[in-house]
Amino acid sequence: MIKEFKKFISRGNVVDLAVGVVVGGAFSKIVTSLVDNIIMPLVGVVIGGIDFTNLHWKIGSATVEYGTFIQNIVDFLIVAFCIFMAIRVFNKLTHKKEEKPPVPVKRDEVVLLEEIRDLLKEDKKATK
């Protein structure tokens, strides 16, 4: 059982996944900071400083904080859009369009075509 576990852990997929999770967590902090500290204050100015988090309903002793839910949806959409834009820019920078090289004409074909041309010229001269 220990040998199987070592084999499982040492496979490349598990290591790649672990690296992806760590990098994803760090990237998540950057994007969250971008949204919380830069984008949301600007959105707040545009929408007149409305703070959704204070919106709630009181039903008896329970409080339904639908404003926090709305704020989380807005945050999610902004984060998703930021990630989409970052990946789009990254893809444009890393995936250069591959130009297809022109199909080379084989030298043998060119030689044969020239010979045919010359033979046709000679044939025309002989028939005149």
N, C-alpha and C. Protein backbone atom coordinates (compact mmCIF):
# COMPACT_ATOMS: atom_id res chain seq x y z
N MET A 1 0.83 -1.19 0.00
CA MET A 1 0.00 0.00 0.00
C MET A 1 0.88 1.26 0.00
N ILE A 2 1.95 1.26 0.75
CA ILE A 2 2.85 2.40 0.80
C ILE A 2 3.52 2.58 -0.55
N LYS A 3 3.89 1.47 -1.22
CA LYS A 3 4.52 1.56 -2.53
C LYS A 3 3.56 2.19 -3.54
N GLU A 4 2.31 1.78 -3.47
CA GLU A 4 1.31 2.35 -4.37
C GLU A 4 1.14 3.85 -4.13
N PHE A 5 1.14 4.23 -2.85
CA PHE A 5 1.00 5.65 -2.51
C PHE A 5 2.19 6.44 -3.03
N LYS A 6 3.42 5.91 -2.86
CA LYS A 6 4.61 6.59 -3.38
C LYS A 6 4.53 6.74 -4.90
N LYS A 7 4.08 5.69 -5.56
CA LYS A 7 3.94 5.73 -7.01
C LYS A 7 2.92 6.79 -7.43
N PHE A 8 1.82 6.84 -6.69
CA PHE A 8 0.77 7.82 -6.98
C PHE A 8 1.28 9.24 -6.78
N ILE A 9 1.97 9.47 -5.68
CA ILE A 9 2.47 10.81 -5.35
C ILE A 9 3.55 11.25 -6.33
N SER A 10 4.38 10.33 -6.77
CA SER A 10 5.50 10.71 -7.62
C SER A 10 5.11 10.89 -9.09
N ARG A 11 3.88 10.56 -9.45
CA ARG A 11 3.44 10.77 -10.82
C ARG A 11 3.38 12.26 -11.12
N GLY A 12 3.67 12.60 -12.35
CA GLY A 12 3.71 14.01 -12.75
C GLY A 12 2.39 14.73 -12.58
N ASN A 13 1.27 14.04 -12.79
CA ASN A 13 -0.02 14.69 -12.71
C ASN A 13 -0.29 15.26 -11.32
N VAL A 14 0.10 14.53 -10.28
CA VAL A 14 -0.16 14.98 -8.92
C VAL A 14 0.69 16.20 -8.60
N VAL A 15 1.94 16.17 -9.02
CA VAL A 15 2.84 17.31 -8.78
C VAL A 15 2.34 18.53 -9.55
N ASP A 16 1.94 18.33 -10.81
CA ASP A 16 1.41 19.44 -11.61
C ASP A 16 0.16 20.03 -10.96
N LEU A 17 -0.69 19.16 -10.46
CA LEU A 17 -1.91 19.62 -9.80
C LEU A 17 -1.58 20.42 -8.54
N ALA A 18 -0.63 19.95 -7.76
CA ALA A 18 -0.23 20.66 -6.54
C ALA A 18 0.32 22.05 -6.88
N VAL A 19 1.16 22.11 -7.90
CA VAL A 19 1.71 23.41 -8.31
C VAL A 19 0.58 24.32 -8.79
N GLY A 20 -0.36 23.77 -9.55
CA GLY A 20 -1.49 24.55 -10.03
C GLY A 20 -2.34 25.12 -8.90
N VAL A 21 -2.54 24.32 -7.86
CA VAL A 21 -3.34 24.78 -6.71
C VAL A 21 -2.62 25.92 -5.99
N VAL A 22 -1.32 25.77 -5.78
CA VAL A 22 -0.55 26.81 -5.07
C VAL A 22 -0.52 28.10 -5.89
N VAL A 23 -0.23 27.99 -7.18
CA VAL A 23 -0.19 29.18 -8.03
C VAL A 23 -1.58 29.80 -8.14
N GLY A 24 -2.60 28.94 -8.25
CA GLY A 24 -3.98 29.45 -8.31
C GLY A 24 -4.36 30.21 -7.06
N GLY A 25 -3.93 29.71 -5.90
CA GLY A 25 -4.22 30.41 -4.64
C GLY A 25 -3.55 31.78 -4.60
N ALA A 26 -2.31 31.83 -5.04
CA ALA A 26 -1.59 33.11 -5.06
C ALA A 26 -2.23 34.06 -6.07
N PHE A 27 -2.60 33.55 -7.23
CA PHE A 27 -3.24 34.39 -8.24
C PHE A 27 -4.60 34.88 -7.75
N SER A 28 -5.30 34.04 -7.00
CA SER A 28 -6.59 34.42 -6.44
C SER A 28 -6.45 35.63 -5.52
N LYS A 29 -5.39 35.66 -4.73
CA LYS A 29 -5.16 36.81 -3.84
C LYS A 29 -4.94 38.08 -4.65
N ILE A 30 -4.20 37.97 -5.75
CA ILE A 30 -3.94 39.14 -6.59
C ILE A 30 -5.24 39.66 -7.20
N VAL A 31 -6.04 38.75 -7.73
CA VAL A 31 -7.29 39.16 -8.37
C VAL A 31 -8.26 39.71 -7.34
N THR A 32 -8.34 39.10 -6.17
CA THR A 32 -9.22 39.60 -5.12
C THR A 32 -8.80 41.00 -4.69
N SER A 33 -7.51 41.23 -4.57
CA SER A 33 -7.02 42.55 -4.23
C SER A 33 -7.37 43.56 -5.32
N LEU A 34 -7.21 43.15 -6.57
CA LEU A 34 -7.56 44.03 -7.69
C LEU A 34 -9.03 44.42 -7.61
N VAL A 35 -9.88 43.45 -7.36
CA VAL A 35 -11.32 43.72 -7.30
C VAL A 35 -11.66 44.57 -6.09
N ASP A 36 -11.18 44.17 -4.91
CA ASP A 36 -11.55 44.87 -3.67
C ASP A 36 -10.97 46.27 -3.58
N ASN A 37 -9.73 46.45 -4.02
CA ASN A 37 -9.03 47.72 -3.77
C ASN A 37 -9.02 48.68 -4.95
N ILE A 38 -9.26 48.19 -6.15
CA ILE A 38 -9.20 49.07 -7.31
C ILE A 38 -10.55 49.14 -8.03
N ILE A 39 -11.08 47.99 -8.41
CA ILE A 39 -12.28 48.01 -9.26
C ILE A 39 -13.54 48.36 -8.48
N MET A 40 -13.77 47.74 -7.32
CA MET A 40 -15.00 48.01 -6.57
C MET A 40 -15.13 49.46 -6.11
N PRO A 41 -14.05 50.12 -5.66
CA PRO A 41 -14.21 51.54 -5.34
C PRO A 41 -14.65 52.36 -6.56
N LEU A 42 -14.12 52.03 -7.75
CA LEU A 42 -14.53 52.74 -8.96
C LEU A 42 -15.97 52.43 -9.31
N VAL A 43 -16.39 51.17 -9.14
CA VAL A 43 -17.78 50.80 -9.39
C VAL A 43 -18.68 51.53 -8.39
N GLY A 44 -18.22 51.64 -7.15
CA GLY A 44 -19.00 52.37 -6.13
C GLY A 44 -19.22 53.81 -6.51
N VAL A 45 -18.20 54.45 -7.10
CA VAL A 45 -18.35 55.84 -7.55
C VAL A 45 -19.36 55.92 -8.69
N VAL A 46 -19.28 54.98 -9.62
CA VAL A 46 -20.17 54.99 -10.78
C VAL A 46 -21.62 54.78 -10.36
N ILE A 47 -21.87 53.86 -9.42
CA ILE A 47 -23.26 53.57 -9.03
C ILE A 47 -23.71 54.42 -7.85
N GLY A 48 -22.95 55.41 -7.50
CA GLY A 48 -23.38 56.34 -6.46
C GLY A 48 -23.09 55.88 -5.05
N GLY A 49 -22.12 55.06 -4.85
CA GLY A 49 -21.72 54.63 -3.52
C GLY A 49 -22.67 53.65 -2.85
N ILE A 50 -23.48 52.95 -3.64
CA ILE A 50 -24.41 51.97 -3.07
C ILE A 50 -23.61 50.80 -2.52
N ASP A 51 -23.87 50.46 -1.28
CA ASP A 51 -23.22 49.31 -0.64
C ASP A 51 -24.27 48.23 -0.47
N PHE A 52 -24.14 47.18 -1.27
CA PHE A 52 -25.12 46.11 -1.24
C PHE A 52 -25.09 45.33 0.07
N THR A 53 -23.96 45.32 0.76
CA THR A 53 -23.82 44.46 1.94
C THR A 53 -24.75 44.86 3.07
N ASN A 54 -25.26 46.07 3.07
CA ASN A 54 -26.15 46.50 4.15
C ASN A 54 -27.62 46.13 3.89
N LEU A 55 -27.93 45.60 2.72
CA LEU A 55 -29.30 45.23 2.39
C LEU A 55 -29.66 43.91 3.07
N HIS A 56 -30.80 43.90 3.77
CA HIS A 56 -31.23 42.68 4.44
C HIS A 56 -32.72 42.76 4.77
N TRP A 57 -33.28 41.59 5.04
CA TRP A 57 -34.66 41.48 5.49
C TRP A 57 -34.65 40.89 6.90
N LYS A 58 -35.50 41.39 7.72
CA LYS A 58 -35.68 40.81 9.06
C LYS A 58 -36.99 40.04 9.04
N ILE A 59 -36.88 38.76 9.30
CA ILE A 59 -38.07 37.91 9.38
C ILE A 59 -38.02 37.27 10.77
N GLY A 60 -38.78 37.82 11.68
CA GLY A 60 -38.74 37.35 13.07
C GLY A 60 -37.35 37.61 13.64
N SER A 61 -36.73 36.58 14.16
CA SER A 61 -35.38 36.75 14.71
C SER A 61 -34.29 36.45 13.67
N ALA A 62 -34.71 36.04 12.47
CA ALA A 62 -33.74 35.71 11.41
C ALA A 62 -33.48 36.94 10.54
N THR A 63 -32.26 37.05 10.08
CA THR A 63 -31.88 38.13 9.17
C THR A 63 -31.41 37.50 7.85
N VAL A 64 -32.08 37.86 6.78
CA VAL A 64 -31.71 37.39 5.45
C VAL A 64 -30.87 38.48 4.81
N GLU A 65 -29.59 38.23 4.68
CA GLU A 65 -28.67 39.23 4.15
C GLU A 65 -28.50 39.04 2.65
N TYR A 66 -29.51 39.43 1.90
CA TYR A 66 -29.45 39.27 0.45
C TYR A 66 -28.48 40.26 -0.19
N GLY A 67 -28.17 41.34 0.48
CA GLY A 67 -27.21 42.31 -0.03
C GLY A 67 -25.80 41.72 -0.13
N THR A 68 -25.42 40.93 0.86
CA THR A 68 -24.12 40.26 0.83
C THR A 68 -24.08 39.28 -0.33
N PHE A 69 -25.19 38.60 -0.57
CA PHE A 69 -25.27 37.67 -1.70
C PHE A 69 -25.10 38.42 -3.03
N ILE A 70 -25.79 39.54 -3.16
CA ILE A 70 -25.67 40.35 -4.38
C ILE A 70 -24.22 40.83 -4.55
N GLN A 71 -23.60 41.28 -3.46
CA GLN A 71 -22.22 41.75 -3.52
C GLN A 71 -21.28 40.61 -3.95
N ASN A 72 -21.52 39.41 -3.43
CA ASN A 72 -20.68 38.27 -3.82
C ASN A 72 -20.85 37.93 -5.30
N ILE A 73 -22.06 38.07 -5.82
CA ILE A 73 -22.29 37.82 -7.25
C ILE A 73 -21.54 38.86 -8.08
N VAL A 74 -21.63 40.13 -7.69
CA VAL A 74 -20.92 41.19 -8.41
C VAL A 74 -19.41 40.94 -8.34
N ASP A 75 -18.91 40.60 -7.16
CA ASP A 75 -17.48 40.31 -7.02
C ASP A 75 -17.06 39.15 -7.92
N PHE A 76 -17.89 38.09 -7.94
CA PHE A 76 -17.58 36.93 -8.78
C PHE A 76 -17.51 37.32 -10.24
N LEU A 77 -18.49 38.09 -10.72
CA LEU A 77 -18.50 38.48 -12.13
C LEU A 77 -17.28 39.33 -12.48
N ILE A 78 -16.91 40.22 -11.59
CA ILE A 78 -15.74 41.06 -11.86
C ILE A 78 -14.46 40.22 -11.84
N VAL A 79 -14.33 39.33 -10.87
CA VAL A 79 -13.16 38.44 -10.81
C VAL A 79 -13.09 37.56 -12.04
N ALA A 80 -14.22 36.98 -12.43
CA ALA A 80 -14.25 36.11 -13.61
C ALA A 80 -13.86 36.89 -14.86
N PHE A 81 -14.33 38.12 -14.99
CA PHE A 81 -13.98 38.94 -16.15
C PHE A 81 -12.50 39.28 -16.14
N CYS A 82 -11.96 39.61 -14.97
CA CYS A 82 -10.52 39.93 -14.87
C CYS A 82 -9.67 38.71 -15.25
N ILE A 83 -10.05 37.55 -14.78
CA ILE A 83 -9.31 36.33 -15.13
C ILE A 83 -9.43 36.06 -16.62
N PHE A 84 -10.63 36.24 -17.17
CA PHE A 84 -10.84 36.06 -18.61
C PHE A 84 -9.92 36.97 -19.41
N MET A 85 -9.85 38.24 -19.02
CA MET A 85 -9.00 39.19 -19.74
C MET A 85 -7.52 38.84 -19.59
N ALA A 86 -7.11 38.43 -18.39
CA ALA A 86 -5.70 38.07 -18.18
C ALA A 86 -5.33 36.86 -19.03
N ILE A 87 -6.19 35.87 -19.08
CA ILE A 87 -5.91 34.68 -19.89
C ILE A 87 -5.92 35.02 -21.37
N ARG A 88 -6.81 35.89 -21.77
CA ARG A 88 -6.87 36.30 -23.17
C ARG A 88 -5.58 37.00 -23.59
N VAL A 89 -5.09 37.91 -22.75
CA VAL A 89 -3.82 38.60 -23.04
C VAL A 89 -2.67 37.61 -23.04
N PHE A 90 -2.66 36.71 -22.07
CA PHE A 90 -1.61 35.71 -21.98
C PHE A 90 -1.58 34.84 -23.24
N ASN A 91 -2.75 34.41 -23.69
CA ASN A 91 -2.82 33.58 -24.89
C ASN A 91 -2.33 34.32 -26.12
N LYS A 92 -2.65 35.61 -26.23
CA LYS A 92 -2.19 36.39 -27.38
C LYS A 92 -0.67 36.54 -27.35
N LEU A 93 -0.10 36.65 -26.16
CA LEU A 93 1.34 36.82 -26.07
C LEU A 93 2.10 35.52 -26.30
N THR A 94 1.52 34.40 -25.90
CA THR A 94 2.25 33.14 -25.98
C THR A 94 1.95 32.33 -27.23
N HIS A 95 0.78 32.48 -27.81
CA HIS A 95 0.42 31.69 -28.98
C HIS A 95 0.53 32.55 -30.23
N LYS A 96 1.69 32.53 -30.82
CA LYS A 96 1.87 33.27 -32.05
C LYS A 96 1.27 32.47 -33.19
N LYS A 97 0.70 33.19 -34.12
CA LYS A 97 0.11 32.51 -35.27
C LYS A 97 1.23 31.90 -36.09
N GLU A 98 1.06 30.64 -36.35
CA GLU A 98 2.05 29.94 -37.14
C GLU A 98 1.77 30.17 -38.62
N GLU A 99 2.75 30.71 -39.30
CA GLU A 99 2.60 30.90 -40.73
C GLU A 99 2.96 29.61 -41.43
N LYS A 100 2.11 29.21 -42.34
CA LYS A 100 2.38 28.01 -43.09
C LYS A 100 3.37 28.35 -44.19
N PRO A 101 4.44 27.60 -44.26
CA PRO A 101 5.40 27.89 -45.32
C PRO A 101 4.80 27.53 -46.67
N PRO A 102 5.20 28.26 -47.70
CA PRO A 102 4.65 27.93 -49.02
C PRO A 102 5.07 26.53 -49.43
N VAL A 103 4.19 25.89 -50.17
CA VAL A 103 4.48 24.53 -50.61
C VAL A 103 5.62 24.60 -51.62
N PRO A 104 6.74 23.98 -51.30
CA PRO A 104 7.87 24.08 -52.23
C PRO A 104 7.60 23.24 -53.48
N VAL A 105 7.95 23.81 -54.62
CA VAL A 105 7.82 23.07 -55.87
C VAL A 105 9.08 22.23 -56.01
N LYS A 106 8.88 20.98 -56.24
CA LYS A 106 10.02 20.09 -56.35
C LYS A 106 10.81 20.42 -57.61
N ARG A 107 12.07 20.38 -57.50
CA ARG A 107 12.95 20.73 -58.61
C ARG A 107 12.72 19.80 -59.80
N ASP A 108 12.45 18.54 -59.55
CA ASP A 108 12.21 17.59 -60.64
C ASP A 108 11.01 18.01 -61.47
N GLU A 109 9.99 18.50 -60.83
CA GLU A 109 8.79 18.93 -61.53
C GLU A 109 9.10 20.14 -62.43
N VAL A 110 9.88 21.04 -61.90
CA VAL A 110 10.25 22.23 -62.67
C VAL A 110 11.04 21.82 -63.91
N VAL A 111 11.98 20.93 -63.72
CA VAL A 111 12.80 20.48 -64.85
C VAL A 111 11.92 19.82 -65.91
N LEU A 112 11.01 18.96 -65.49
CA LEU A 112 10.12 18.30 -66.44
C LEU A 112 9.24 19.30 -67.19
N LEU A 113 8.71 20.27 -66.48
CA LEU A 113 7.87 21.29 -67.12
C LEU A 113 8.67 22.10 -68.13
N GLU A 114 9.91 22.43 -67.80
CA GLU A 114 10.76 23.16 -68.74
C GLU A 114 11.03 22.32 -69.99
N GLU A 115 11.28 21.03 -69.79
CA GLU A 115 11.53 20.14 -70.93
C GLU A 115 10.29 20.04 -71.82
N ILE A 116 9.11 19.94 -71.19
CA ILE A 116 7.87 19.87 -71.98
C ILE A 116 7.69 21.16 -72.76
N ARG A 117 7.94 22.28 -72.13
CA ARG A 117 7.82 23.59 -72.80
C ARG A 117 8.75 23.66 -74.01
N ASP A 118 9.99 23.25 -73.79
CA ASP A 118 10.96 23.30 -74.88
C ASP A 118 10.56 22.37 -76.02
N LEU A 119 10.06 21.17 -75.69
CA LEU A 119 9.62 20.25 -76.73
C LEU A 119 8.44 20.81 -77.52
N LEU A 120 7.51 21.48 -76.81
CA LEU A 120 6.38 22.09 -77.51
C LEU A 120 6.84 23.21 -78.42
N LYS A 121 7.81 24.00 -78.00
CA LYS A 121 8.35 25.05 -78.85
C LYS A 121 8.98 24.46 -80.11
N GLU A 122 9.76 23.40 -79.93
CA GLU A 122 10.42 22.74 -81.06
C GLU A 122 9.38 22.17 -82.02
N ASP A 123 8.31 21.60 -81.44
CA ASP A 123 7.24 21.00 -82.27
C ASP A 123 6.56 22.07 -83.10
N LYS A 124 6.33 23.22 -82.54
CA LYS A 124 5.68 24.33 -83.27
C LYS A 124 6.58 24.80 -84.41
N LYS A 125 7.89 24.89 -84.16
CA LYS A 125 8.80 25.34 -85.18
C LYS A 125 8.88 24.33 -86.33
N ALA A 126 8.81 23.05 -85.99
CA ALA A 126 8.91 22.01 -87.01
C ALA A 126 7.66 21.95 -87.88
N THR A 127 6.51 22.28 -87.33
CA THR A 127 5.26 22.20 -88.09
C THR A 127 5.05 23.43 -88.97
N LYS A 128 5.78 24.48 -88.79
CA LYS A 128 5.60 25.70 -89.60
C LYS A 128 6.22 25.59 -90.92
